[in-house]
Full PDB file with SEQRES, HELIX, SHEET, SSBOND, CRYST1, ORIGX, SCALE, CONECT and MASTER records, all heavy atoms in Angstrom:
SEQRES   1 A   42  GLU GLU GLN ALA ASP ASP HIS PHE SER HIS VAL LEU HIS          
SEQRES   2 A   42  ALA MET ASN PRO GLU ARG TYR ARG ASP PRO THR SER TRP          
SEQRES   3 A   42  ILE ASP SER ARG ALA GLY SER ARG THR GLY ALA GLY THR          
SEQRES   4 A   42  SER VAL ARG                                                  
HELIX    1 AA1 ALA A    4  MET A   15  1                                  12    
HELIX    2 AA2 SER A   25  SER A   29  1                                   5    
HELIX    3 AA3 GLY A   36  THR A   39  5                                   4    
CRYST1    1.000    1.000    1.000  90.00  90.00  90.00 P 1           1          
ORIGX1      1.000000  0.000000  0.000000        0.00000                         
ORIGX2      0.000000  1.000000  0.000000        0.00000                         
ORIGX3      0.000000  0.000000  1.000000        0.00000                         
SCALE1      1.000000  0.000000  0.000000        0.00000                         
SCALE2      0.000000  1.000000  0.000000        0.00000                         
SCALE3      0.000000  0.000000  1.000000        0.00000                         
ATOM      1  N   GLU A   1       4.961   4.585 -13.093  1.00  0.00           N  
ATOM      2  CA  GLU A   1       6.153   3.743 -13.102  1.00  0.00           C  
ATOM      3  C   GLU A   1       5.836   2.352 -12.566  1.00  0.00           C  
ATOM      4  O   GLU A   1       4.855   2.152 -11.842  1.00  0.00           O  
ATOM      5  CB  GLU A   1       7.255   4.399 -12.256  1.00  0.00           C  
ATOM      6  CG  GLU A   1       7.721   5.728 -12.827  1.00  0.00           C  
ATOM      7  CD  GLU A   1       8.783   6.400 -11.977  1.00  0.00           C  
ATOM      8  OE1 GLU A   1       9.083   5.892 -10.874  1.00  0.00           O  
ATOM      9  OE2 GLU A   1       9.335   7.427 -12.419  1.00  0.00           O  
ATOM     10  N   GLU A   2       6.658   1.388 -12.933  1.00  0.00           N  
ATOM     11  CA  GLU A   2       6.426   0.011 -12.505  1.00  0.00           C  
ATOM     12  C   GLU A   2       6.494  -0.144 -10.990  1.00  0.00           C  
ATOM     13  O   GLU A   2       5.910  -1.067 -10.422  1.00  0.00           O  
ATOM     14  CB  GLU A   2       7.440  -0.929 -13.173  1.00  0.00           C  
ATOM     15  CG  GLU A   2       7.284  -1.048 -14.682  1.00  0.00           C  
ATOM     16  CD  GLU A   2       5.917  -1.574 -15.093  1.00  0.00           C  
ATOM     17  OE1 GLU A   2       5.374  -2.443 -14.374  1.00  0.00           O  
ATOM     18  OE2 GLU A   2       5.387  -1.106 -16.114  1.00  0.00           O  
ATOM     19  N   GLN A   3       7.208   0.746 -10.316  1.00  0.00           N  
ATOM     20  CA  GLN A   3       7.313   0.703  -8.860  1.00  0.00           C  
ATOM     21  C   GLN A   3       6.279   1.599  -8.177  1.00  0.00           C  
ATOM     22  O   GLN A   3       6.475   2.039  -7.046  1.00  0.00           O  
ATOM     23  CB  GLN A   3       8.720   1.125  -8.423  1.00  0.00           C  
ATOM     24  CG  GLN A   3       9.835   0.249  -8.959  1.00  0.00           C  
ATOM     25  CD  GLN A   3      11.194   0.712  -8.469  1.00  0.00           C  
ATOM     26  OE1 GLN A   3      11.560   0.509  -7.311  1.00  0.00           O  
ATOM     27  NE2 GLN A   3      11.935   1.348  -9.352  1.00  0.00           N  
ATOM     28  N   ALA A   4       5.153   1.834  -8.842  1.00  0.00           N  
ATOM     29  CA  ALA A   4       4.146   2.753  -8.310  1.00  0.00           C  
ATOM     30  C   ALA A   4       3.671   2.352  -6.918  1.00  0.00           C  
ATOM     31  O   ALA A   4       3.493   3.216  -6.046  1.00  0.00           O  
ATOM     32  CB  ALA A   4       2.962   2.836  -9.267  1.00  0.00           C  
ATOM     33  N   ASP A   5       3.467   1.059  -6.701  1.00  0.00           N  
ATOM     34  CA  ASP A   5       2.986   0.640  -5.381  1.00  0.00           C  
ATOM     35  C   ASP A   5       4.030   0.873  -4.296  1.00  0.00           C  
ATOM     36  O   ASP A   5       3.700   1.246  -3.166  1.00  0.00           O  
ATOM     37  CB  ASP A   5       2.537  -0.825  -5.402  1.00  0.00           C  
ATOM     38  CG  ASP A   5       3.524  -1.753  -6.071  1.00  0.00           C  
ATOM     39  OD1 ASP A   5       4.614  -1.295  -6.473  1.00  0.00           O  
ATOM     40  OD2 ASP A   5       3.206  -2.957  -6.193  1.00  0.00           O  
ATOM     41  N   ASP A   6       5.324   0.686  -4.629  1.00  0.00           N  
ATOM     42  CA  ASP A   6       6.390   0.976  -3.667  1.00  0.00           C  
ATOM     43  C   ASP A   6       6.460   2.471  -3.378  1.00  0.00           C  
ATOM     44  O   ASP A   6       6.652   2.885  -2.222  1.00  0.00           O  
ATOM     45  CB  ASP A   6       7.733   0.487  -4.195  1.00  0.00           C  
ATOM     46  CG  ASP A   6       7.781  -1.022  -4.343  1.00  0.00           C  
ATOM     47  OD1 ASP A   6       7.589  -1.717  -3.325  1.00  0.00           O  
ATOM     48  OD2 ASP A   6       7.987  -1.513  -5.463  1.00  0.00           O  
ATOM     49  N   HIS A   7       6.333   3.276  -4.423  1.00  0.00           N  
ATOM     50  CA  HIS A   7       6.317   4.737  -4.243  1.00  0.00           C  
ATOM     51  C   HIS A   7       5.170   5.150  -3.323  1.00  0.00           C  
ATOM     52  O   HIS A   7       5.341   5.966  -2.416  1.00  0.00           O  
ATOM     53  CB  HIS A   7       6.158   5.445  -5.586  1.00  0.00           C  
ATOM     54  CG  HIS A   7       7.320   5.277  -6.519  1.00  0.00           C  
ATOM     55  ND1 HIS A   7       8.622   5.149  -6.087  1.00  0.00           N  
ATOM     56  CD2 HIS A   7       7.370   5.237  -7.880  1.00  0.00           C  
ATOM     57  CE1 HIS A   7       9.428   5.027  -7.133  1.00  0.00           C  
ATOM     58  NE2 HIS A   7       8.691   5.080  -8.235  1.00  0.00           N  
ATOM     59  N   PHE A   8       4.014   4.584  -3.565  1.00  0.00           N  
ATOM     60  CA  PHE A   8       2.825   4.929  -2.793  1.00  0.00           C  
ATOM     61  C   PHE A   8       3.035   4.578  -1.321  1.00  0.00           C  
ATOM     62  O   PHE A   8       2.721   5.371  -0.416  1.00  0.00           O  
ATOM     63  CB  PHE A   8       1.617   4.186  -3.359  1.00  0.00           C  
ATOM     64  CG  PHE A   8       0.299   4.634  -2.802  1.00  0.00           C  
ATOM     65  CD1 PHE A   8      -0.295   5.800  -3.264  1.00  0.00           C  
ATOM     66  CD2 PHE A   8      -0.350   3.904  -1.815  1.00  0.00           C  
ATOM     67  CE1 PHE A   8      -1.514   6.225  -2.755  1.00  0.00           C  
ATOM     68  CE2 PHE A   8      -1.565   4.320  -1.304  1.00  0.00           C  
ATOM     69  CZ  PHE A   8      -2.157   5.485  -1.777  1.00  0.00           C  
ATOM     70  N   SER A   9       3.567   3.391  -1.083  1.00  0.00           N  
ATOM     71  CA  SER A   9       3.822   2.945   0.278  1.00  0.00           C  
ATOM     72  C   SER A   9       4.811   3.877   0.986  1.00  0.00           C  
ATOM     73  O   SER A   9       4.640   4.210   2.172  1.00  0.00           O  
ATOM     74  CB  SER A   9       4.376   1.513   0.262  1.00  0.00           C  
ATOM     75  OG  SER A   9       4.518   1.001   1.566  1.00  0.00           O  
ATOM     76  N   HIS A  10       5.825   4.316   0.264  1.00  0.00           N  
ATOM     77  CA  HIS A  10       6.836   5.210   0.822  1.00  0.00           C  
ATOM     78  C   HIS A  10       6.209   6.536   1.252  1.00  0.00           C  
ATOM     79  O   HIS A  10       6.503   7.066   2.329  1.00  0.00           O  
ATOM     80  CB  HIS A  10       7.936   5.440  -0.219  1.00  0.00           C  
ATOM     81  CG  HIS A  10       9.163   6.087   0.328  1.00  0.00           C  
ATOM     82  ND1 HIS A  10      10.281   6.335  -0.436  1.00  0.00           N  
ATOM     83  CD2 HIS A  10       9.459   6.573   1.569  1.00  0.00           C  
ATOM     84  CE1 HIS A  10      11.204   6.917   0.298  1.00  0.00           C  
ATOM     85  NE2 HIS A  10      10.729   7.080   1.526  1.00  0.00           N  
ATOM     86  N   VAL A  11       5.322   7.070   0.421  1.00  0.00           N  
ATOM     87  CA  VAL A  11       4.674   8.342   0.738  1.00  0.00           C  
ATOM     88  C   VAL A  11       3.764   8.200   1.959  1.00  0.00           C  
ATOM     89  O   VAL A  11       3.724   9.073   2.829  1.00  0.00           O  
ATOM     90  CB  VAL A  11       3.887   8.876  -0.476  1.00  0.00           C  
ATOM     91  CG1 VAL A  11       3.157  10.170  -0.117  1.00  0.00           C  
ATOM     92  CG2 VAL A  11       4.823   9.124  -1.653  1.00  0.00           C  
ATOM     93  N   LEU A  12       3.021   7.104   2.035  1.00  0.00           N  
ATOM     94  CA  LEU A  12       2.144   6.890   3.186  1.00  0.00           C  
ATOM     95  C   LEU A  12       2.966   6.803   4.476  1.00  0.00           C  
ATOM     96  O   LEU A  12       2.535   7.287   5.543  1.00  0.00           O  
ATOM     97  CB  LEU A  12       1.313   5.624   3.004  1.00  0.00           C  
ATOM     98  CG  LEU A  12       0.208   5.673   1.956  1.00  0.00           C  
ATOM     99  CD1 LEU A  12      -0.586   4.369   1.975  1.00  0.00           C  
ATOM    100  CD2 LEU A  12      -0.728   6.856   2.175  1.00  0.00           C  
ATOM    101  N   HIS A  13       4.140   6.197   4.414  1.00  0.00           N  
ATOM    102  CA  HIS A  13       5.032   6.126   5.578  1.00  0.00           C  
ATOM    103  C   HIS A  13       5.428   7.531   6.024  1.00  0.00           C  
ATOM    104  O   HIS A  13       5.429   7.839   7.230  1.00  0.00           O  
ATOM    105  CB  HIS A  13       6.270   5.303   5.227  1.00  0.00           C  
ATOM    106  CG  HIS A  13       7.420   5.506   6.166  1.00  0.00           C  
ATOM    107  ND1 HIS A  13       7.401   5.093   7.487  1.00  0.00           N  
ATOM    108  CD2 HIS A  13       8.632   6.123   5.967  1.00  0.00           C  
ATOM    109  CE1 HIS A  13       8.546   5.417   8.064  1.00  0.00           C  
ATOM    110  NE2 HIS A  13       9.310   6.039   7.171  1.00  0.00           N  
ATOM    111  N   ALA A  14       5.750   8.382   5.051  1.00  0.00           N  
ATOM    112  CA  ALA A  14       6.145   9.750   5.393  1.00  0.00           C  
ATOM    113  C   ALA A  14       4.972  10.549   5.963  1.00  0.00           C  
ATOM    114  O   ALA A  14       5.165  11.395   6.847  1.00  0.00           O  
ATOM    115  CB  ALA A  14       6.699  10.450   4.149  1.00  0.00           C  
ATOM    116  N   MET A  15       3.775  10.260   5.502  1.00  0.00           N  
ATOM    117  CA  MET A  15       2.592  10.962   5.989  1.00  0.00           C  
ATOM    118  C   MET A  15       2.196  10.513   7.385  1.00  0.00           C  
ATOM    119  O   MET A  15       1.738  11.313   8.215  1.00  0.00           O  
ATOM    120  CB  MET A  15       1.412  10.732   5.035  1.00  0.00           C  
ATOM    121  CG  MET A  15       1.535  11.433   3.701  1.00  0.00           C  
ATOM    122  SD  MET A  15       0.111  11.040   2.621  1.00  0.00           S  
ATOM    123  CE  MET A  15      -1.254  11.786   3.536  1.00  0.00           C  
ATOM    124  N   ASN A  16       2.349   9.225   7.664  1.00  0.00           N  
ATOM    125  CA  ASN A  16       1.869   8.669   8.920  1.00  0.00           C  
ATOM    126  C   ASN A  16       2.841   7.582   9.416  1.00  0.00           C  
ATOM    127  O   ASN A  16       2.547   6.388   9.355  1.00  0.00           O  
ATOM    128  CB  ASN A  16       0.463   8.089   8.731  1.00  0.00           C  
ATOM    129  CG  ASN A  16      -0.208   7.757  10.036  1.00  0.00           C  
ATOM    130  OD1 ASN A  16       0.420   7.740  11.102  1.00  0.00           O  
ATOM    131  ND2 ASN A  16      -1.502   7.458   9.971  1.00  0.00           N  
ATOM    132  N   PRO A  17       3.999   8.000   9.929  1.00  0.00           N  
ATOM    133  CA  PRO A  17       5.021   7.021  10.335  1.00  0.00           C  
ATOM    134  C   PRO A  17       4.601   6.158  11.514  1.00  0.00           C  
ATOM    135  O   PRO A  17       5.144   5.054  11.692  1.00  0.00           O  
ATOM    136  CB  PRO A  17       6.221   7.899  10.695  1.00  0.00           C  
ATOM    137  CG  PRO A  17       5.643   9.240  11.004  1.00  0.00           C  
ATOM    138  CD  PRO A  17       4.465   9.387  10.109  1.00  0.00           C  
ATOM    139  N   GLU A  18       3.644   6.610  12.318  1.00  0.00           N  
ATOM    140  CA  GLU A  18       3.201   5.783  13.438  1.00  0.00           C  
ATOM    141  C   GLU A  18       2.387   4.587  12.949  1.00  0.00           C  
ATOM    142  O   GLU A  18       2.455   3.500  13.529  1.00  0.00           O  
ATOM    143  CB  GLU A  18       2.373   6.626  14.416  1.00  0.00           C  
ATOM    144  CG  GLU A  18       3.190   7.682  15.152  1.00  0.00           C  
ATOM    145  CD  GLU A  18       2.362   8.411  16.191  1.00  0.00           C  
ATOM    146  OE1 GLU A  18       1.157   8.086  16.327  1.00  0.00           O  
ATOM    147  OE2 GLU A  18       2.899   9.312  16.853  1.00  0.00           O  
ATOM    148  N   ARG A  19       1.633   4.798  11.894  1.00  0.00           N  
ATOM    149  CA  ARG A  19       0.819   3.703  11.349  1.00  0.00           C  
ATOM    150  C   ARG A  19       1.624   2.845  10.396  1.00  0.00           C  
ATOM    151  O   ARG A  19       1.515   1.612  10.412  1.00  0.00           O  
ATOM    152  CB  ARG A  19      -0.406   4.273  10.645  1.00  0.00           C  
ATOM    153  CG  ARG A  19      -1.334   3.201  10.105  1.00  0.00           C  
ATOM    154  CD  ARG A  19      -2.593   3.808   9.554  1.00  0.00           C  
ATOM    155  NE  ARG A  19      -3.545   2.774   9.144  1.00  0.00           N  
ATOM    156  CZ  ARG A  19      -4.734   3.038   8.617  1.00  0.00           C  
ATOM    157  NH1 ARG A  19      -5.123   4.289   8.455  1.00  0.00           N  
ATOM    158  NH2 ARG A  19      -5.531   2.057   8.265  1.00  0.00           N  
ATOM    159  N   TYR A  20       2.416   3.487   9.543  1.00  0.00           N  
ATOM    160  CA  TYR A  20       3.246   2.766   8.575  1.00  0.00           C  
ATOM    161  C   TYR A  20       4.706   2.972   8.992  1.00  0.00           C  
ATOM    162  O   TYR A  20       5.343   3.948   8.589  1.00  0.00           O  
ATOM    163  CB  TYR A  20       2.985   3.280   7.155  1.00  0.00           C  
ATOM    164  CG  TYR A  20       1.526   3.215   6.750  1.00  0.00           C  
ATOM    165  CD1 TYR A  20       0.742   4.383   6.667  1.00  0.00           C  
ATOM    166  CD2 TYR A  20       0.926   1.997   6.458  1.00  0.00           C  
ATOM    167  CE1 TYR A  20      -0.596   4.318   6.297  1.00  0.00           C  
ATOM    168  CE2 TYR A  20      -0.416   1.926   6.090  1.00  0.00           C  
ATOM    169  CZ  TYR A  20      -1.180   3.098   6.017  1.00  0.00           C  
ATOM    170  OH  TYR A  20      -2.502   3.033   5.664  1.00  0.00           O  
ATOM    171  N   ARG A  21       5.207   2.052   9.785  1.00  0.00           N  
ATOM    172  CA  ARG A  21       6.499   2.250  10.442  1.00  0.00           C  
ATOM    173  C   ARG A  21       7.685   2.222   9.484  1.00  0.00           C  
ATOM    174  O   ARG A  21       8.715   2.818   9.748  1.00  0.00           O  
ATOM    175  CB  ARG A  21       6.691   1.196  11.536  1.00  0.00           C  
ATOM    176  CG  ARG A  21       5.671   1.323  12.664  1.00  0.00           C  
ATOM    177  CD  ARG A  21       5.916   0.296  13.753  1.00  0.00           C  
ATOM    178  NE  ARG A  21       4.937   0.442  14.823  1.00  0.00           N  
ATOM    179  CZ  ARG A  21       5.029   1.307  15.815  1.00  0.00           C  
ATOM    180  NH1 ARG A  21       6.087   2.111  15.870  1.00  0.00           N  
ATOM    181  NH2 ARG A  21       4.103   1.374  16.749  1.00  0.00           N  
ATOM    182  N   ASP A  22       7.542   1.524   8.366  1.00  0.00           N  
ATOM    183  CA  ASP A  22       8.619   1.439   7.375  1.00  0.00           C  
ATOM    184  C   ASP A  22       8.093   1.867   6.017  1.00  0.00           C  
ATOM    185  O   ASP A  22       6.880   1.811   5.757  1.00  0.00           O  
ATOM    186  CB  ASP A  22       9.155   0.010   7.285  1.00  0.00           C  
ATOM    187  CG  ASP A  22       9.686  -0.492   8.613  1.00  0.00           C  
ATOM    188  OD1 ASP A  22      10.621   0.145   9.131  1.00  0.00           O  
ATOM    189  OD2 ASP A  22       9.144  -1.499   9.124  1.00  0.00           O  
ATOM    190  N   PRO A  23       8.972   2.271   5.099  1.00  0.00           N  
ATOM    191  CA  PRO A  23       8.519   2.669   3.761  1.00  0.00           C  
ATOM    192  C   PRO A  23       7.762   1.578   3.007  1.00  0.00           C  
ATOM    193  O   PRO A  23       6.991   1.877   2.103  1.00  0.00           O  
ATOM    194  CB  PRO A  23       9.835   3.026   3.051  1.00  0.00           C  
ATOM    195  CG  PRO A  23      10.746   3.450   4.147  1.00  0.00           C  
ATOM    196  CD  PRO A  23      10.403   2.544   5.301  1.00  0.00           C  
ATOM    197  N   THR A  24       7.975   0.325   3.398  1.00  0.00           N  
ATOM    198  CA  THR A  24       7.283  -0.767   2.696  1.00  0.00           C  
ATOM    199  C   THR A  24       6.100  -1.335   3.487  1.00  0.00           C  
ATOM    200  O   THR A  24       5.508  -2.331   3.081  1.00  0.00           O  
ATOM    201  CB  THR A  24       8.273  -1.921   2.403  1.00  0.00           C  
ATOM    202  OG1 THR A  24       8.790  -2.420   3.650  1.00  0.00           O  
ATOM    203  CG2 THR A  24       9.405  -1.446   1.504  1.00  0.00           C  
ATOM    204  N   SER A  25       5.747  -0.707   4.597  1.00  0.00           N  
ATOM    205  CA  SER A  25       4.701  -1.267   5.469  1.00  0.00           C  
ATOM    206  C   SER A  25       3.370  -1.408   4.752  1.00  0.00           C  
ATOM    207  O   SER A  25       2.690  -2.444   4.870  1.00  0.00           O  
ATOM    208  CB  SER A  25       4.530  -0.393   6.718  1.00  0.00           C  
ATOM    209  OG  SER A  25       5.658  -0.463   7.542  1.00  0.00           O  
ATOM    210  N   TRP A  26       2.980  -0.395   4.014  1.00  0.00           N  
ATOM    211  CA  TRP A  26       1.664  -0.451   3.357  1.00  0.00           C  
ATOM    212  C   TRP A  26       1.621  -1.563   2.326  1.00  0.00           C  
ATOM    213  O   TRP A  26       0.688  -2.368   2.310  1.00  0.00           O  
ATOM    214  CB  TRP A  26       1.334   0.891   2.703  1.00  0.00           C  
ATOM    215  CG  TRP A  26      -0.003   0.882   2.029  1.00  0.00           C  
ATOM    216  CD1 TRP A  26      -1.225   1.089   2.609  1.00  0.00           C  
ATOM    217  CD2 TRP A  26      -0.279   0.635   0.639  1.00  0.00           C  
ATOM    218  NE1 TRP A  26      -2.240   0.985   1.684  1.00  0.00           N  
ATOM    219  CE2 TRP A  26      -1.684   0.710   0.462  1.00  0.00           C  
ATOM    220  CE3 TRP A  26       0.525   0.359  -0.468  1.00  0.00           C  
ATOM    221  CZ2 TRP A  26      -2.296   0.508  -0.770  1.00  0.00           C  
ATOM    222  CZ3 TRP A  26      -0.081   0.171  -1.704  1.00  0.00           C  
ATOM    223  CH2 TRP A  26      -1.476   0.240  -1.849  1.00  0.00           C  
ATOM    224  N   ILE A  27       2.620  -1.643   1.470  1.00  0.00           N  
ATOM    225  CA  ILE A  27       2.596  -2.645   0.406  1.00  0.00           C  
ATOM    226  C   ILE A  27       2.769  -4.046   0.988  1.00  0.00           C  
ATOM    227  O   ILE A  27       2.153  -5.012   0.518  1.00  0.00           O  
ATOM    228  CB  ILE A  27       3.678  -2.354  -0.660  1.00  0.00           C  
ATOM    229  CG1 ILE A  27       3.479  -3.259  -1.880  1.00  0.00           C  
ATOM    230  CG2 ILE A  27       5.071  -2.498  -0.106  1.00  0.00           C  
ATOM    231  CD1 ILE A  27       2.160  -3.063  -2.590  1.00  0.00           C  
ATOM    232  N   ASP A  28       3.557  -4.183   2.070  1.00  0.00           N  
ATOM    233  CA  ASP A  28       3.722  -5.497   2.699  1.00  0.00           C  
ATOM    234  C   ASP A  28       2.410  -5.985   3.312  1.00  0.00           C  
ATOM    235  O   ASP A  28       2.104  -7.179   3.275  1.00  0.00           O  
ATOM    236  CB  ASP A  28       4.793  -5.439   3.788  1.00  0.00           C  
ATOM    237  CG  ASP A  28       6.199  -5.301   3.229  1.00  0.00           C  
ATOM    238  OD1 ASP A  28       6.377  -5.540   2.013  1.00  0.00           O  
ATOM    239  OD2 ASP A  28       7.107  -4.945   4.003  1.00  0.00           O  
ATOM    240  N   SER A  29       1.632  -5.063   3.840  1.00  0.00           N  
ATOM    241  CA  SER A  29       0.369  -5.448   4.480  1.00  0.00           C  
ATOM    242  C   SER A  29      -0.665  -5.919   3.474  1.00  0.00           C  
ATOM    243  O   SER A  29      -1.665  -6.544   3.841  1.00  0.00           O  
ATOM    244  CB  SER A  29      -0.203  -4.277   5.275  1.00  0.00           C  
ATOM    245  OG  SER A  29      -0.646  -3.237   4.421  1.00  0.00           O  
ATOM    246  N   ARG A  30      -0.432  -5.626   2.200  1.00  0.00           N  
ATOM    247  CA  ARG A  30      -1.378  -6.020   1.161  1.00  0.00           C  
ATOM    248  C   ARG A  30      -0.832  -7.120   0.257  1.00  0.00           C  
ATOM    249  O   ARG A  30      -1.344  -7.353  -0.832  1.00  0.00           O  
ATOM    250  CB  ARG A  30      -1.781  -4.802   0.334  1.00  0.00           C  
ATOM    251  CG  ARG A  30      -2.827  -3.968   1.067  1.00  0.00           C  
ATOM    252  CD  ARG A  30      -2.734  -2.489   0.753  1.00  0.00           C  
ATOM    253  NE  ARG A  30      -3.781  -1.780   1.494  1.00  0.00           N  
ATOM    254  CZ  ARG A  30      -3.695  -1.458   2.783  1.00  0.00           C  
ATOM    255  NH1 ARG A  30      -2.628  -1.778   3.482  1.00  0.00           N  
ATOM    256  NH2 ARG A  30      -4.682  -0.800   3.386  1.00  0.00           N  
ATOM    257  N   ALA A  31       0.188  -7.787   0.702  1.00  0.00           N  
ATOM    258  CA  ALA A  31       0.763  -8.892  -0.075  1.00  0.00           C  
ATOM    259  C   ALA A  31      -0.297  -9.956  -0.334  1.00  0.00           C  
ATOM    260  O   ALA A  31      -0.995 -10.395   0.579  1.00  0.00           O  
ATOM    261  CB  ALA A  31       1.936  -9.505   0.676  1.00  0.00           C  
ATOM    262  N   GLY A  32      -0.443 -10.328  -1.584  1.00  0.00           N  
ATOM    263  CA  GLY A  32      -1.423 -11.345  -1.955  1.00  0.00           C  
ATOM    264  C   GLY A  32      -2.760 -10.785  -2.368  1.00  0.00           C  
ATOM    265  O   GLY A  32      -3.583 -11.491  -2.953  1.00  0.00           O  
ATOM    266  N   SER A  33      -2.999  -9.503  -2.070  1.00  0.00           N  
ATOM    267  CA  SER A  33      -4.268  -8.897  -2.496  1.00  0.00           C  
ATOM    268  C   SER A  33      -4.201  -8.609  -3.982  1.00  0.00           C  
ATOM    269  O   SER A  33      -3.160  -8.238  -4.518  1.00  0.00           O  
ATOM    270  CB  SER A  33      -4.515  -7.598  -1.725  1.00  0.00           C  
ATOM    271  OG  SER A  33      -4.610  -7.852  -0.342  1.00  0.00           O  
ATOM    272  N   ARG A  34      -5.347  -8.751  -4.663  1.00  0.00           N  
ATOM    273  CA  ARG A  34      -5.344  -8.545  -6.106  1.00  0.00           C  
ATOM    274  C   ARG A  34      -6.489  -7.670  -6.591  1.00  0.00           C  
ATOM    275  O   ARG A  34      -6.345  -6.904  -7.517  1.00  0.00           O  
ATOM    276  CB  ARG A  34      -5.440  -9.875  -6.851  1.00  0.00           C  
ATOM    277  CG  ARG A  34      -4.242 -10.775  -6.675  1.00  0.00           C  
ATOM    278  CD  ARG A  34      -4.392 -12.011  -7.527  1.00  0.00           C  
ATOM    279  NE  ARG A  34      -5.598 -12.745  -7.198  1.00  0.00           N  
ATOM    280  CZ  ARG A  34      -6.052 -13.777  -7.899  1.00  0.00           C  
ATOM    281  NH1 ARG A  34      -5.412 -14.173  -8.968  1.00  0.00           N  
ATOM    282  NH2 ARG A  34      -7.163 -14.403  -7.526  1.00  0.00           N  
ATOM    283  N   THR A  35      -7.642  -7.765  -5.953  1.00  0.00           N  
ATOM    284  CA  THR A  35      -8.827  -7.176  -6.570  1.00  0.00           C  
ATOM    285  C   THR A  35      -9.293  -5.880  -5.945  1.00  0.00           C  
ATOM    286  O   THR A  35      -9.993  -5.115  -6.583  1.00  0.00           O  
ATOM    287  CB  THR A  35     -10.000  -8.169  -6.532  1.00  0.00           C  
ATOM    288  OG1 THR A  35     -10.249  -8.537  -5.169  1.00  0.00           O  
ATOM    289  CG2 THR A  35      -9.680  -9.403  -7.341  1.00  0.00           C  
ATOM    290  N   GLY A  36      -8.949  -5.598  -4.701  1.00  0.00           N  
ATOM    291  CA  GLY A  36      -9.395  -4.360  -4.097  1.00  0.00           C  
ATOM    292  C   GLY A  36     -10.896  -4.224  -4.146  1.00  0.00           C  
ATOM    293  O   GLY A  36     -11.639  -5.114  -3.741  1.00  0.00           O  
ATOM    294  N   ALA A  37     -11.368  -3.086  -4.682  1.00  0.00           N  
ATOM    295  CA  ALA A  37     -12.797  -2.808  -4.712  1.00  0.00           C  
ATOM    296  C   ALA A  37     -13.546  -3.677  -5.713  1.00  0.00           C  
ATOM    297  O   ALA A  37     -14.753  -3.592  -5.813  1.00  0.00           O  
ATOM    298  CB  ALA A  37     -13.040  -1.333  -5.036  1.00  0.00           C  
ATOM    299  N   GLY A  38     -12.821  -4.525  -6.462  1.00  0.00           N  
ATOM    300  CA  GLY A  38     -13.490  -5.335  -7.468  1.00  0.00           C  
ATOM    301  C   GLY A  38     -14.109  -6.611  -6.927  1.00  0.00           C  
ATOM    302  O   GLY A  38     -14.479  -7.493  -7.696  1.00  0.00           O  
ATOM    303  N   THR A  39     -14.227  -6.729  -5.625  1.00  0.00           N  
ATOM    304  CA  THR A  39     -14.735  -7.967  -5.059  1.00  0.00           C  
ATOM    305  C   THR A  39     -16.238  -8.126  -5.220  1.00  0.00           C  
ATOM    306  O   THR A  39     -16.746  -9.226  -5.141  1.00  0.00           O  
ATOM    307  CB  THR A  39     -14.378  -8.068  -3.574  1.00  0.00           C  
ATOM    308  OG1 THR A  39     -14.827  -6.886  -2.893  1.00  0.00           O  
ATOM    309  CG2 THR A  39     -12.873  -8.184  -3.392  1.00  0.00           C  
ATOM    310  N   SER A  40     -16.982  -7.058  -5.419  1.00  0.00           N  
ATOM    311  CA  SER A  40     -18.427  -7.176  -5.597  1.00  0.00           C  
ATOM    312  C   SER A  40     -18.920  -6.103  -6.544  1.00  0.00           C  
ATOM    313  O   SER A  40     -18.283  -5.056  -6.708  1.00  0.00           O  
ATOM    314  CB  SER A  40     -19.167  -7.059  -4.260  1.00  0.00           C  
ATOM    315  OG  SER A  40     -19.223  -5.708  -3.840  1.00  0.00           O  
ATOM    316  N   VAL A  41     -20.059  -6.365  -7.147  1.00  0.00           N  
ATOM    317  CA  VAL A  41     -20.663  -5.398  -8.061  1.00  0.00           C  
ATOM    318  C   VAL A  41     -20.982  -4.104  -7.321  1.00  0.00           C  
ATOM    319  O   VAL A  41     -20.731  -3.002  -7.827  1.00  0.00           O  
ATOM    320  CB  VAL A  41     -21.936  -5.990  -8.702  1.00  0.00           C  
ATOM    321  CG1 VAL A  41     -22.717  -4.914  -9.431  1.00  0.00           C  
ATOM    322  CG2 VAL A  41     -21.572  -7.121  -9.653  1.00  0.00           C  
ATOM    323  N   ARG A  42     -21.544  -4.222  -6.135  1.00  0.00           N  
ATOM    324  CA  ARG A  42     -21.942  -3.019  -5.390  1.00  0.00           C  
ATOM    325  C   ARG A  42     -20.736  -2.144  -5.066  1.00  0.00           C  
ATOM    326  O   ARG A  42     -20.795  -0.915  -5.206  1.00  0.00           O  
ATOM    327  CB  ARG A  42     -22.664  -3.417  -4.116  1.00  0.00           C  
ATOM    328  CG  ARG A  42     -23.067  -2.234  -3.232  1.00  0.00           C  
ATOM    329  CD  ARG A  42     -24.080  -2.609  -2.197  1.00  0.00           C  
ATOM    330  NE  ARG A  42     -25.330  -3.027  -2.827  1.00  0.00           N  
ATOM    331  CZ  ARG A  42     -26.417  -3.378  -2.150  1.00  0.00           C  
ATOM    332  NH1 ARG A  42     -26.402  -3.375  -0.825  1.00  0.00           N  
ATOM    333  NH2 ARG A  42     -27.520  -3.734  -2.789  1.00  0.00           N  
TER     334      ARG A  42                                                      
MASTER        0    0    0    3    0    0    0    6  333    1    0    4          
END                                                                             
């Protein structure tokens, strides 16, 4: 779904509420990121 990243963030919050205090904590912490593991060939 188009909201896959929001869904993912919500699940991580439920798994670890101490680290991800809100349902949007994970996705908010990655605002502006685009490439992930694509930053280098290795």
